[in-house]
């Protein structure tokens, strides 16, 4: 199989870095973006001509268009676009500052939307490609203390679920990845984005988020490298999976959330059908 070229955001850490290393080691090329170029200097040294890197903050709309266009111009064809950059904002909903809410939505939702919109004309012209979106079980299930994170991820999944149907006629497939917990540094980063504590929420379910982020007993169960290998493998699958659930915790939480929602819908069937005219 011929080598592919990937465009991936946030390759400096977490899934983005692991995925970049996995892709490069198998002989593919990567166009990667980071906010700090020094964070990937070692990767550039190791992989040189197969790793193209540019500075990008995914909250910078004009920067996204410029970097995506430059990557396609420099590399000719990009087969897979990976929306990976993101972070978690946690705490009681009423405790967030407006600036925290804006930043979370701009990073986790608007950034990936803009990346996809910038890449789509190129993907259509070249006759197809894949878009991978790193979401989370939190794009289907919710936990107290995660309202803004869930809002960004549910919006992300809604957009890319619909987008996949829009672009299928052009040979472009979309896969939404829903990992569970894994040792990627996500929890450490999330600790720096906690909403201020509110006394009113002491002892309520919101406190659970602090236990999740700080308790050694709740350490991530998932093998991040196994997850990355599964994500990369999807580009060889035809048709592409619309969603990829990774991890026992992700499976359990999503399965329960969907079963509960379906049960609620079924319980309202008669009411729903009685709303017709006439």
Protein backbone atom coordinates (compact mmCIF):
# COMPACT_ATOMS: atom_id res chain seq x y z
CA UNK A 1 0.00 0.00 0.00
CA UNK A 2 1.35 3.44 -0.94
CA UNK A 3 2.27 5.88 1.81
CA UNK A 4 -0.37 8.33 2.96
CA UNK A 5 -0.08 11.94 4.03
CA UNK A 6 -1.87 13.07 7.20
CA UNK A 7 -2.74 16.53 8.50
CA UNK A 8 -3.01 16.49 12.30
CA UNK A 9 -3.58 19.27 14.82
CA UNK A 10 -1.94 19.30 18.24
CA UNK A 11 0.90 16.84 17.61
CA UNK A 12 2.96 17.95 20.61
CA UNK A 13 1.28 15.75 23.23
CA UNK A 14 -1.35 13.14 24.00
CA UNK A 15 -3.06 11.26 21.20
CA UNK A 16 -1.70 13.74 18.67
CA UNK A 17 1.93 12.96 19.43
CA UNK A 18 1.42 9.21 19.79
CA UNK A 19 -0.48 9.11 16.52
CA UNK A 20 2.17 11.16 14.74
CA UNK A 21 4.92 8.80 15.91
CA UNK A 22 2.88 5.75 14.88
CA UNK A 23 2.15 7.18 11.43
CA UNK A 24 5.72 8.25 10.78
CA UNK A 25 7.14 4.94 11.93
CA UNK A 26 5.02 3.12 9.38
CA UNK A 27 6.43 5.26 6.59
CA UNK A 28 3.66 7.84 6.05
CA UNK A 29 4.07 11.62 6.00
CA UNK A 30 2.58 14.03 8.53
CA UNK A 31 1.70 17.69 8.29
CA UNK A 32 1.42 18.59 11.96
CA UNK A 33 0.43 21.76 13.79
CA UNK A 34 1.46 22.96 17.24
CA UNK A 35 1.31 26.14 19.26
CA UNK A 36 4.95 25.72 20.32
CA UNK A 37 7.34 24.53 17.61
CA UNK A 38 10.02 23.66 20.16
CA UNK A 39 7.73 20.97 21.59
CA UNK A 40 8.25 18.81 18.49
CA UNK A 41 11.90 19.62 17.71
CA UNK A 42 12.85 16.04 18.57
CA UNK A 43 10.33 14.65 16.09
CA UNK A 44 11.58 16.96 13.38
CA UNK A 45 15.13 15.79 14.05
CA UNK A 46 14.14 12.12 13.82
CA UNK A 47 11.84 12.25 10.81
CA UNK A 48 13.04 15.31 8.89
CA UNK A 49 11.60 15.25 5.35
CA UNK A 50 8.50 13.22 6.34
CA UNK A 51 7.35 15.63 9.04
CA UNK A 52 6.03 19.03 7.96
CA UNK A 53 5.29 21.32 10.91
CA UNK A 54 3.68 24.72 11.23
CA UNK A 55 2.56 26.92 14.10
CA UNK A 56 -1.20 27.03 14.65
CA UNK A 57 -3.58 27.99 17.41
CA UNK A 58 -6.90 26.42 16.39
CA UNK A 59 -8.77 29.40 17.83
CA UNK A 60 -7.18 31.56 15.09
CA UNK A 61 -9.65 31.44 12.19
CA UNK A 62 -7.45 33.18 9.61
CA UNK A 63 -4.46 31.12 10.73
CA UNK A 64 -6.37 27.90 10.04
CA UNK A 65 -7.08 28.84 6.42
CA UNK A 66 -3.47 29.88 5.89
CA UNK A 67 -1.92 26.75 7.40
CA UNK A 68 -4.29 24.27 5.76
CA UNK A 69 -3.81 25.86 2.33
CA UNK A 70 -0.03 25.88 2.82
CA UNK A 71 0.03 22.21 3.82
CA UNK A 72 -1.87 21.13 0.72
CA UNK A 73 0.27 23.40 -1.47
CA UNK A 74 3.54 22.06 -0.05
CA UNK A 75 2.62 18.39 0.14
CA UNK A 76 0.37 18.09 -2.88
CA UNK A 77 -2.14 15.58 -1.54
CA UNK A 78 -3.36 15.00 2.00
CA UNK A 79 -5.24 11.76 2.50
CA UNK A 80 -6.34 12.07 6.13
CA UNK A 81 -7.26 15.15 8.17
CA UNK A 82 -7.18 14.58 11.94
CA UNK A 83 -8.90 17.05 14.26
CA UNK A 84 -7.11 16.24 17.50
CA UNK A 85 -6.32 19.49 19.36
CA UNK A 86 -8.53 20.10 22.39
CA UNK A 87 -8.75 20.08 26.18
CA UNK A 88 -11.23 19.62 29.02
CA UNK A 89 -12.87 22.38 31.05
CA UNK A 90 -14.52 21.09 34.22
CA UNK A 91 -16.42 22.37 37.25
CA UNK A 92 -19.84 23.72 38.15
CA UNK A 93 -21.48 25.42 35.17
CA UNK A 94 -22.24 28.64 37.02
CA UNK A 95 -18.64 28.90 38.18
CA UNK A 96 -17.06 29.33 34.74
CA UNK A 97 -15.85 32.71 33.61
CA UNK A 98 -17.20 33.82 30.24
CA UNK A 99 -13.67 33.79 28.84
CA UNK A 100 -13.30 30.11 29.83
CA UNK A 101 -16.51 29.20 28.02
CA UNK A 102 -15.51 31.08 24.88
CA UNK A 103 -12.06 29.44 24.84
CA UNK A 104 -13.48 25.94 25.33
CA UNK A 105 -15.96 26.27 22.47
CA UNK A 106 -13.41 27.99 20.22
CA UNK A 107 -10.86 25.21 20.76
CA UNK A 108 -12.97 22.05 20.89
CA UNK A 109 -15.78 22.95 18.49
CA UNK A 110 -15.12 25.95 16.25
CA UNK A 111 -11.49 24.98 15.60
CA UNK A 112 -12.32 21.52 14.20
CA UNK A 113 -15.22 22.94 12.18
CA UNK A 114 -12.91 25.52 10.62
CA UNK A 115 -10.20 22.94 9.93
CA UNK A 116 -12.72 20.72 8.13
CA UNK A 117 -14.18 23.61 6.13
CA UNK A 118 -10.70 24.73 5.09
CA UNK A 119 -9.73 21.20 4.01
CA UNK A 120 -12.92 20.23 2.19
CA UNK A 121 -12.30 22.13 -1.09
CA UNK A 122 -8.90 20.44 -1.35
CA UNK A 123 -10.31 17.00 -0.53
CA UNK A 124 -13.07 17.39 -3.10
CA UNK A 125 -10.65 18.48 -5.82
CA UNK A 126 -8.37 15.52 -5.20
CA UNK A 127 -11.31 13.10 -5.32
CA UNK A 128 -11.68 12.05 -1.69
CA UNK A 129 -10.05 11.53 1.67
CA UNK A 130 -10.74 10.80 5.33
CA UNK A 131 -11.55 13.09 8.24
CA UNK A 132 -10.91 11.75 11.75
CA UNK A 133 -12.32 13.62 14.72
CA UNK A 134 -11.07 12.94 18.25
CA UNK A 135 -14.11 13.24 20.47
CA UNK A 136 -14.68 11.28 23.72
CA UNK A 137 -17.32 9.15 25.42
CA UNK A 138 -18.37 12.59 26.68
CA UNK A 139 -19.77 13.29 23.23
CA UNK A 140 -22.52 10.75 23.93
CA UNK A 141 -22.73 10.48 27.73
CA UNK A 142 -22.49 13.15 30.42
CA UNK A 143 -21.11 13.47 33.93
CA UNK A 144 -21.75 16.25 36.45
CA UNK A 145 -19.00 18.85 36.37
CA UNK A 146 -18.44 18.41 32.65
CA UNK A 147 -21.17 20.66 31.22
CA UNK A 148 -18.97 22.86 29.04
CA UNK A 149 -16.72 20.02 27.91
CA UNK A 150 -19.78 17.98 26.98
CA UNK A 151 -21.34 20.96 25.20
CA UNK A 152 -18.26 21.28 23.00
CA UNK A 153 -18.06 17.54 22.27
CA UNK A 154 -21.79 17.01 21.64
CA UNK A 155 -21.67 19.94 19.23
CA UNK A 156 -18.57 18.42 17.62
CA UNK A 157 -20.30 15.08 17.10
CA UNK A 158 -23.46 16.67 15.74
CA UNK A 159 -21.52 18.69 13.19
CA UNK A 160 -19.31 15.85 11.97
CA UNK A 161 -22.14 13.30 11.94
CA UNK A 162 -24.06 15.55 9.55
CA UNK A 163 -20.92 16.47 7.61
CA UNK A 164 -20.19 12.83 6.91
CA UNK A 165 -23.53 12.53 5.13
CA UNK A 166 -22.92 15.75 3.17
CA UNK A 167 -19.50 14.83 1.80
CA UNK A 168 -19.96 11.10 1.16
CA UNK A 169 -20.83 11.75 -2.52
CA UNK A 170 -17.32 13.21 -2.97
CA UNK A 171 -15.54 10.12 -1.63
CA UNK A 172 -14.83 11.80 1.72
CA UNK A 173 -15.51 9.72 4.84
CA UNK A 174 -15.77 10.94 8.44
CA UNK A 175 -14.98 8.90 11.56
CA UNK A 176 -15.73 10.21 15.06
CA UNK A 177 -13.42 8.66 17.68
CA UNK A 178 -14.80 8.24 21.21
CA UNK A 179 -11.96 7.18 23.56
CA UNK A 180 -12.33 6.51 27.23
CA UNK A 181 -9.70 7.39 29.80
CA UNK A 182 -6.08 6.84 28.80
CA UNK A 183 -2.65 7.94 29.98
CA UNK A 184 -2.29 10.87 27.61
CA UNK A 185 -1.77 13.77 30.02
CA UNK A 186 -5.40 14.84 29.60
CA UNK A 187 -6.12 14.81 33.33
CA UNK A 188 -3.03 16.84 34.17
CA UNK A 189 -3.99 19.49 31.63
CA UNK A 190 -7.60 19.50 32.83
CA UNK A 191 -6.49 20.40 36.36
CA UNK A 192 -5.30 23.75 35.05
CA UNK A 193 -8.71 24.50 33.53
CA UNK A 194 -10.97 23.87 36.52
CA UNK A 195 -13.72 26.36 37.26
CA UNK A 196 -13.39 28.14 40.61
CA UNK A 197 -14.88 26.13 43.49
CA UNK A 198 -18.29 27.28 44.68
CA UNK A 199 -19.25 26.58 48.29
CA UNK A 200 -22.83 25.79 47.26
CA UNK A 201 -21.64 22.74 45.33
CA UNK A 202 -19.56 21.19 48.12
CA UNK A 203 -20.71 17.61 48.67
CA UNK A 204 -22.77 17.53 45.47
CA UNK A 205 -22.12 15.34 42.38
CA UNK A 206 -19.94 18.11 40.90
CA UNK A 207 -17.28 17.20 43.48
CA UNK A 208 -16.86 13.89 41.64
CA UNK A 209 -14.85 15.62 38.93
CA UNK A 210 -12.16 16.51 41.46
CA UNK A 211 -11.93 12.84 42.47
CA UNK A 212 -11.65 11.78 38.84
CA UNK A 213 -8.83 14.24 38.16
CA UNK A 214 -6.90 13.78 41.41
CA UNK A 215 -7.48 10.27 42.76
CA UNK A 216 -4.84 7.63 42.02
CA UNK A 217 -7.57 5.04 42.51
CA UNK A 218 -9.32 6.43 39.43
CA UNK A 219 -6.27 6.38 37.17
CA UNK A 220 -6.96 5.92 33.44
CA UNK A 221 -7.50 2.30 32.40
CA UNK A 222 -7.02 2.63 28.67
CA UNK A 223 -3.83 1.86 26.76
CA UNK A 224 -3.27 5.01 24.70
CA UNK A 225 -0.98 3.30 22.19
CA UNK A 226 -3.51 0.53 21.53
CA UNK A 227 -6.13 3.22 20.95
CA UNK A 228 -3.86 5.09 18.55
CA UNK A 229 -3.22 1.92 16.54
CA UNK A 230 -6.97 1.31 16.32
CA UNK A 231 -7.56 4.89 15.17
CA UNK A 232 -4.88 4.68 12.49
CA UNK A 233 -6.25 1.33 11.31
CA UNK A 234 -9.62 2.89 10.43
CA UNK A 235 -8.17 4.52 7.31
CA UNK A 236 -7.75 1.04 5.83
CA UNK A 237 -11.41 0.18 6.45
CA UNK A 238 -14.01 0.57 3.74
CA UNK A 239 -16.58 1.74 4.46
CA UNK A 240 -15.08 3.88 7.20
CA UNK A 241 -16.69 3.47 10.64
CA UNK A 242 -18.87 6.47 11.47
CA UNK A 243 -17.87 6.12 15.14
CA UNK A 244 -15.07 4.31 16.96
CA UNK A 245 -15.63 3.51 20.66
CA UNK A 246 -12.37 2.77 22.51
CA UNK A 247 -12.06 1.59 26.10
CA UNK A 248 -14.24 -0.33 28.53
CA UNK A 249 -15.31 2.83 30.32
CA UNK A 250 -16.28 4.49 27.05
CA UNK A 251 -18.27 1.44 25.96
CA UNK A 252 -20.08 1.17 29.30
CA UNK A 253 -20.98 4.84 29.61
CA UNK A 254 -22.10 5.23 25.99
CA UNK A 255 -24.09 1.98 26.03
CA UNK A 256 -25.96 3.03 29.18
CA UNK A 257 -26.59 6.57 27.93
CA UNK A 258 -28.01 5.35 24.62
CA UNK A 259 -30.11 2.64 26.28
CA UNK A 260 -31.56 5.16 28.75
CA UNK A 261 -32.37 7.64 25.98
CA UNK A 262 -34.00 4.98 23.83
CA UNK A 263 -36.10 3.79 26.76
CA UNK A 264 -37.27 7.35 27.35
CA UNK A 265 -38.19 7.79 23.68
CA UNK A 266 -40.11 4.51 23.63
CA UNK A 267 -42.03 5.52 26.76
CA UNK A 268 -43.25 8.63 24.92
CA UNK A 269 -44.27 6.92 21.68
CA UNK A 270 -48.01 7.27 22.14
CA UNK A 271 -47.70 10.92 23.15
CA UNK A 272 -45.44 11.71 20.19
CA UNK A 273 -47.76 10.03 17.66
CA UNK A 274 -50.79 11.84 19.08
CA UNK A 275 -49.38 15.21 18.01
CA UNK A 276 -50.32 14.83 14.32
CA UNK A 277 -52.80 17.22 12.68
CA UNK A 278 -56.37 15.88 12.42
